[in-house]
Amino acid sequence: MIAPGGGPGPADLSTAEIVDYQPLEGDGKVRLKLKDGSVIEVRLEIMNVLRAGHDPNTGLPMYVVQSATLIRLVESPKEMRKPPLRQGGGRDAKSLPGFG
């Protein structure tokens, strides 16, 4: 299937097969310092890798990666912070949820 731009169209996932994988390097996390002074950490969580046939133009295998992007606020300037709308039920107000 050829898409309007001339490249291959969407892969047919009805016959796709899950391919096992292992990371070669890195932990998938990137820290970004934003213009407002905040620091966020972004991690790509891979759920599945699927082989979805071959590209008709090149014959190379095509892969689809199912993933989720996780974002964690690492730090922010005090002037960017606002008080919470309501106080939490017994939880430490300074603790930040994250993904370690």
N, C-alpha and C. Protein backbone atom coordinates (compact mmCIF):
# COMPACT_ATOMS: atom_id res chain seq x y z
N MET A 1 0.85 -1.18 0.00
CA MET A 1 0.00 0.00 0.00
C MET A 1 0.89 1.24 0.00
N ILE A 2 0.64 2.14 -0.90
CA ILE A 2 1.42 3.37 -1.00
C ILE A 2 0.59 4.54 -0.48
N ALA A 3 1.17 5.30 0.42
CA ALA A 3 0.49 6.47 0.99
C ALA A 3 0.54 7.63 0.01
N PRO A 4 -0.31 8.65 0.20
CA PRO A 4 -0.33 9.79 -0.73
C PRO A 4 1.03 10.46 -0.90
N GLY A 5 1.89 10.44 0.11
CA GLY A 5 3.20 11.08 0.00
C GLY A 5 4.22 10.26 -0.79
N GLY A 6 3.83 9.05 -1.23
CA GLY A 6 4.74 8.22 -2.01
C GLY A 6 5.41 7.12 -1.22
N GLY A 7 5.34 7.18 0.11
CA GLY A 7 5.96 6.14 0.94
C GLY A 7 4.98 5.02 1.22
N PRO A 8 5.43 4.01 1.94
CA PRO A 8 4.52 2.92 2.27
C PRO A 8 3.40 3.42 3.16
N GLY A 9 2.24 2.82 3.03
CA GLY A 9 1.10 3.20 3.85
C GLY A 9 1.19 2.56 5.22
N PRO A 10 0.11 2.65 5.99
CA PRO A 10 0.12 2.08 7.33
C PRO A 10 0.34 0.57 7.27
N ALA A 11 1.08 0.07 8.24
CA ALA A 11 1.37 -1.36 8.28
C ALA A 11 0.10 -2.13 8.63
N ASP A 12 -0.05 -3.33 8.07
CA ASP A 12 -1.17 -4.21 8.38
C ASP A 12 -0.81 -4.98 9.64
N LEU A 13 -1.38 -4.58 10.77
CA LEU A 13 -1.03 -5.19 12.04
C LEU A 13 -1.77 -6.49 12.31
N SER A 14 -2.69 -6.88 11.42
CA SER A 14 -3.43 -8.13 11.64
C SER A 14 -2.52 -9.35 11.53
N THR A 15 -1.41 -9.22 10.83
CA THR A 15 -0.48 -10.35 10.69
C THR A 15 0.85 -10.06 11.39
N ALA A 16 0.95 -8.96 12.11
CA ALA A 16 2.20 -8.59 12.78
C ALA A 16 2.50 -9.58 13.89
N GLU A 17 3.79 -9.80 14.13
CA GLU A 17 4.20 -10.68 15.21
C GLU A 17 5.07 -9.94 16.21
N ILE A 18 4.90 -10.27 17.48
CA ILE A 18 5.69 -9.65 18.54
C ILE A 18 7.13 -10.16 18.45
N VAL A 19 8.07 -9.24 18.54
CA VAL A 19 9.49 -9.57 18.48
C VAL A 19 10.10 -9.28 19.85
N ASP A 20 10.76 -10.28 20.44
CA ASP A 20 11.46 -10.05 21.71
C ASP A 20 12.64 -9.12 21.47
N TYR A 21 13.02 -8.39 22.51
CA TYR A 21 14.13 -7.44 22.38
C TYR A 21 14.82 -7.30 23.72
N GLN A 22 16.02 -6.72 23.70
CA GLN A 22 16.71 -6.33 24.91
C GLN A 22 17.44 -5.03 24.63
N PRO A 23 17.40 -4.10 25.61
CA PRO A 23 18.08 -2.82 25.42
C PRO A 23 19.59 -3.03 25.27
N LEU A 24 20.21 -2.30 24.37
CA LEU A 24 21.66 -2.41 24.16
C LEU A 24 22.44 -1.46 25.04
N GLU A 25 21.89 -0.27 25.28
CA GLU A 25 22.60 0.69 26.14
C GLU A 25 21.62 1.74 26.64
N GLY A 26 22.00 2.40 27.72
CA GLY A 26 21.18 3.48 28.26
C GLY A 26 19.96 2.96 29.00
N ASP A 27 19.34 3.87 29.73
CA ASP A 27 18.15 3.50 30.48
C ASP A 27 16.89 4.17 29.92
N GLY A 28 17.03 4.83 28.78
CA GLY A 28 15.87 5.44 28.14
C GLY A 28 15.42 6.76 28.73
N LYS A 29 16.19 7.31 29.68
CA LYS A 29 15.80 8.57 30.32
C LYS A 29 16.59 9.74 29.74
N VAL A 30 15.92 10.87 29.62
CA VAL A 30 16.56 12.11 29.18
C VAL A 30 16.12 13.20 30.14
N ARG A 31 17.08 13.98 30.64
CA ARG A 31 16.76 15.13 31.50
C ARG A 31 16.82 16.39 30.65
N LEU A 32 15.80 17.23 30.79
CA LEU A 32 15.71 18.46 30.02
C LEU A 32 15.58 19.64 30.97
N LYS A 33 16.40 20.67 30.75
CA LYS A 33 16.24 21.92 31.50
C LYS A 33 15.40 22.85 30.64
N LEU A 34 14.25 23.25 31.15
CA LEU A 34 13.33 24.09 30.40
C LEU A 34 13.67 25.55 30.58
N LYS A 35 13.20 26.37 29.66
CA LYS A 35 13.50 27.80 29.67
C LYS A 35 13.01 28.48 30.94
N ASP A 36 11.95 27.94 31.57
CA ASP A 36 11.42 28.54 32.80
C ASP A 36 12.21 28.13 34.04
N GLY A 37 13.27 27.32 33.87
CA GLY A 37 14.11 26.90 34.98
C GLY A 37 13.77 25.53 35.53
N SER A 38 12.65 24.97 35.12
CA SER A 38 12.27 23.63 35.58
C SER A 38 13.15 22.57 34.92
N VAL A 39 13.27 21.44 35.59
CA VAL A 39 13.97 20.28 35.04
C VAL A 39 12.97 19.13 35.02
N ILE A 40 12.81 18.53 33.84
CA ILE A 40 11.95 17.36 33.74
C ILE A 40 12.77 16.17 33.26
N GLU A 41 12.29 15.00 33.59
CA GLU A 41 12.92 13.76 33.14
C GLU A 41 11.89 13.05 32.27
N VAL A 42 12.29 12.64 31.09
CA VAL A 42 11.40 11.99 30.15
C VAL A 42 11.94 10.59 29.89
N ARG A 43 11.05 9.61 29.97
CA ARG A 43 11.47 8.24 29.70
C ARG A 43 10.48 7.60 28.75
N LEU A 44 11.00 6.87 27.79
CA LEU A 44 10.17 6.13 26.86
C LEU A 44 10.06 4.70 27.37
N GLU A 45 8.84 4.27 27.67
CA GLU A 45 8.58 2.92 28.16
C GLU A 45 8.10 2.09 26.97
N ILE A 46 8.89 1.09 26.58
CA ILE A 46 8.54 0.23 25.45
C ILE A 46 7.63 -0.88 25.94
N MET A 47 6.47 -1.03 25.30
CA MET A 47 5.55 -2.10 25.65
C MET A 47 5.73 -3.31 24.75
N ASN A 48 5.78 -3.09 23.45
CA ASN A 48 5.92 -4.17 22.47
C ASN A 48 6.66 -3.68 21.24
N VAL A 49 7.35 -4.59 20.60
CA VAL A 49 7.92 -4.35 19.27
C VAL A 49 7.28 -5.39 18.36
N LEU A 50 6.70 -4.92 17.26
CA LEU A 50 6.03 -5.81 16.31
C LEU A 50 6.71 -5.74 14.96
N ARG A 51 6.91 -6.89 14.34
CA ARG A 51 7.39 -6.90 12.96
C ARG A 51 6.13 -6.98 12.09
N ALA A 52 5.97 -6.00 11.21
CA ALA A 52 4.73 -5.85 10.44
C ALA A 52 5.00 -5.98 8.95
N GLY A 53 5.62 -7.07 8.56
CA GLY A 53 5.86 -7.30 7.14
C GLY A 53 7.11 -6.60 6.64
N HIS A 54 7.11 -6.33 5.33
CA HIS A 54 8.28 -5.73 4.68
C HIS A 54 7.86 -4.52 3.86
N ASP A 55 8.74 -3.56 3.76
CA ASP A 55 8.50 -2.38 2.94
C ASP A 55 8.52 -2.84 1.47
N PRO A 56 7.46 -2.55 0.73
CA PRO A 56 7.40 -3.01 -0.66
C PRO A 56 8.46 -2.36 -1.56
N ASN A 57 8.95 -1.18 -1.19
CA ASN A 57 9.93 -0.49 -2.03
C ASN A 57 11.35 -0.98 -1.80
N THR A 58 11.67 -1.33 -0.55
CA THR A 58 13.05 -1.70 -0.24
C THR A 58 13.22 -3.16 0.15
N GLY A 59 12.12 -3.81 0.53
CA GLY A 59 12.21 -5.19 1.00
C GLY A 59 12.67 -5.31 2.44
N LEU A 60 12.96 -4.17 3.08
CA LEU A 60 13.41 -4.21 4.48
C LEU A 60 12.24 -4.49 5.41
N PRO A 61 12.51 -5.16 6.54
CA PRO A 61 11.42 -5.39 7.49
C PRO A 61 10.91 -4.08 8.09
N MET A 62 9.61 -4.03 8.38
CA MET A 62 9.01 -2.86 9.01
C MET A 62 8.66 -3.22 10.45
N TYR A 63 8.90 -2.29 11.37
CA TYR A 63 8.61 -2.52 12.78
C TYR A 63 7.68 -1.44 13.30
N VAL A 64 6.83 -1.84 14.23
CA VAL A 64 5.96 -0.91 14.93
C VAL A 64 6.33 -1.04 16.41
N VAL A 65 6.56 0.10 17.07
CA VAL A 65 6.91 0.10 18.49
C VAL A 65 5.74 0.70 19.26
N GLN A 66 5.20 -0.08 20.19
CA GLN A 66 4.14 0.41 21.07
C GLN A 66 4.83 0.91 22.33
N SER A 67 4.61 2.19 22.66
CA SER A 67 5.33 2.78 23.78
C SER A 67 4.46 3.82 24.48
N ALA A 68 4.94 4.22 25.66
CA ALA A 68 4.32 5.31 26.42
C ALA A 68 5.44 6.25 26.86
N THR A 69 5.15 7.54 26.86
CA THR A 69 6.11 8.54 27.31
C THR A 69 5.78 8.91 28.75
N LEU A 70 6.74 8.73 29.65
CA LEU A 70 6.57 9.08 31.06
C LEU A 70 7.35 10.35 31.34
N ILE A 71 6.72 11.32 32.00
CA ILE A 71 7.36 12.60 32.30
C ILE A 71 7.30 12.83 33.80
N ARG A 72 8.45 13.20 34.38
CA ARG A 72 8.53 13.46 35.82
C ARG A 72 9.18 14.81 36.04
N LEU A 73 8.55 15.64 36.86
CA LEU A 73 9.14 16.93 37.23
C LEU A 73 10.21 16.66 38.27
N VAL A 74 11.45 17.04 37.98
CA VAL A 74 12.58 16.82 38.88
C VAL A 74 12.75 18.01 39.81
N GLU A 75 12.70 19.21 39.25
CA GLU A 75 12.79 20.42 40.06
C GLU A 75 12.12 21.58 39.33
N SER A 76 11.67 22.55 40.11
CA SER A 76 11.08 23.76 39.51
C SER A 76 11.40 24.94 40.41
N PRO A 77 11.55 26.13 39.82
CA PRO A 77 11.82 27.32 40.61
C PRO A 77 10.67 27.60 41.58
N LYS A 78 11.01 28.12 42.75
CA LYS A 78 9.97 28.40 43.77
C LYS A 78 8.91 29.35 43.25
N GLU A 79 9.30 30.31 42.42
CA GLU A 79 8.30 31.27 41.92
C GLU A 79 7.31 30.64 40.95
N MET A 80 7.60 29.44 40.44
CA MET A 80 6.67 28.74 39.54
C MET A 80 5.63 27.94 40.31
N ARG A 81 5.83 27.74 41.59
CA ARG A 81 4.96 26.86 42.38
C ARG A 81 3.75 27.61 42.92
N LYS A 82 2.65 26.88 43.03
CA LYS A 82 1.42 27.40 43.63
C LYS A 82 1.04 26.47 44.77
N PRO A 83 0.31 26.98 45.76
CA PRO A 83 -0.12 26.08 46.83
C PRO A 83 -1.13 25.08 46.29
N PRO A 84 -1.15 23.87 46.87
CA PRO A 84 -2.12 22.87 46.40
C PRO A 84 -3.54 23.34 46.69
N LEU A 85 -4.50 22.89 45.89
CA LEU A 85 -5.90 23.27 46.08
C LEU A 85 -6.43 22.75 47.40
N ARG A 86 -6.00 21.55 47.79
CA ARG A 86 -6.39 21.00 49.08
C ARG A 86 -5.23 20.18 49.62
N GLN A 87 -5.16 20.08 50.91
CA GLN A 87 -4.07 19.34 51.53
C GLN A 87 -4.34 17.85 51.39
N GLY A 88 -3.28 17.09 51.06
CA GLY A 88 -3.40 15.64 50.88
C GLY A 88 -3.67 14.94 52.18
N GLY A 89 -4.23 13.76 52.09
CA GLY A 89 -4.61 12.98 53.27
C GLY A 89 -3.44 12.25 53.89
N GLY A 90 -2.60 12.94 54.66
CA GLY A 90 -1.55 12.29 55.41
C GLY A 90 -0.28 11.99 54.63
N ARG A 91 -0.24 12.33 53.38
CA ARG A 91 0.97 12.07 52.60
C ARG A 91 1.96 13.20 52.77
N ASP A 92 3.22 12.88 52.62
CA ASP A 92 4.28 13.88 52.71
C ASP A 92 4.14 14.84 51.53
N ALA A 93 3.89 16.11 51.81
CA ALA A 93 3.67 17.11 50.76
C ALA A 93 4.91 17.34 49.92
N LYS A 94 6.10 16.97 50.42
CA LYS A 94 7.33 17.19 49.67
C LYS A 94 7.69 16.02 48.76
N SER A 95 7.03 14.90 48.93
CA SER A 95 7.38 13.74 48.10
C SER A 95 6.80 13.92 46.71
N LEU A 96 7.59 13.55 45.73
CA LEU A 96 7.17 13.65 44.34
C LEU A 96 7.04 12.25 43.76
N PRO A 97 5.95 11.98 43.06
CA PRO A 97 5.85 10.69 42.40
C PRO A 97 6.87 10.64 41.26
N GLY A 98 7.34 9.49 40.95
CA GLY A 98 8.32 9.37 39.87
C GLY A 98 8.48 7.95 39.42
N PHE A 99 9.47 7.74 38.60
CA PHE A 99 9.70 6.40 38.09
C PHE A 99 11.12 5.94 38.34
N GLY A 100 11.79 6.52 39.33
CA GLY A 100 13.10 6.07 39.78
C GLY A 100 14.12 6.10 38.79
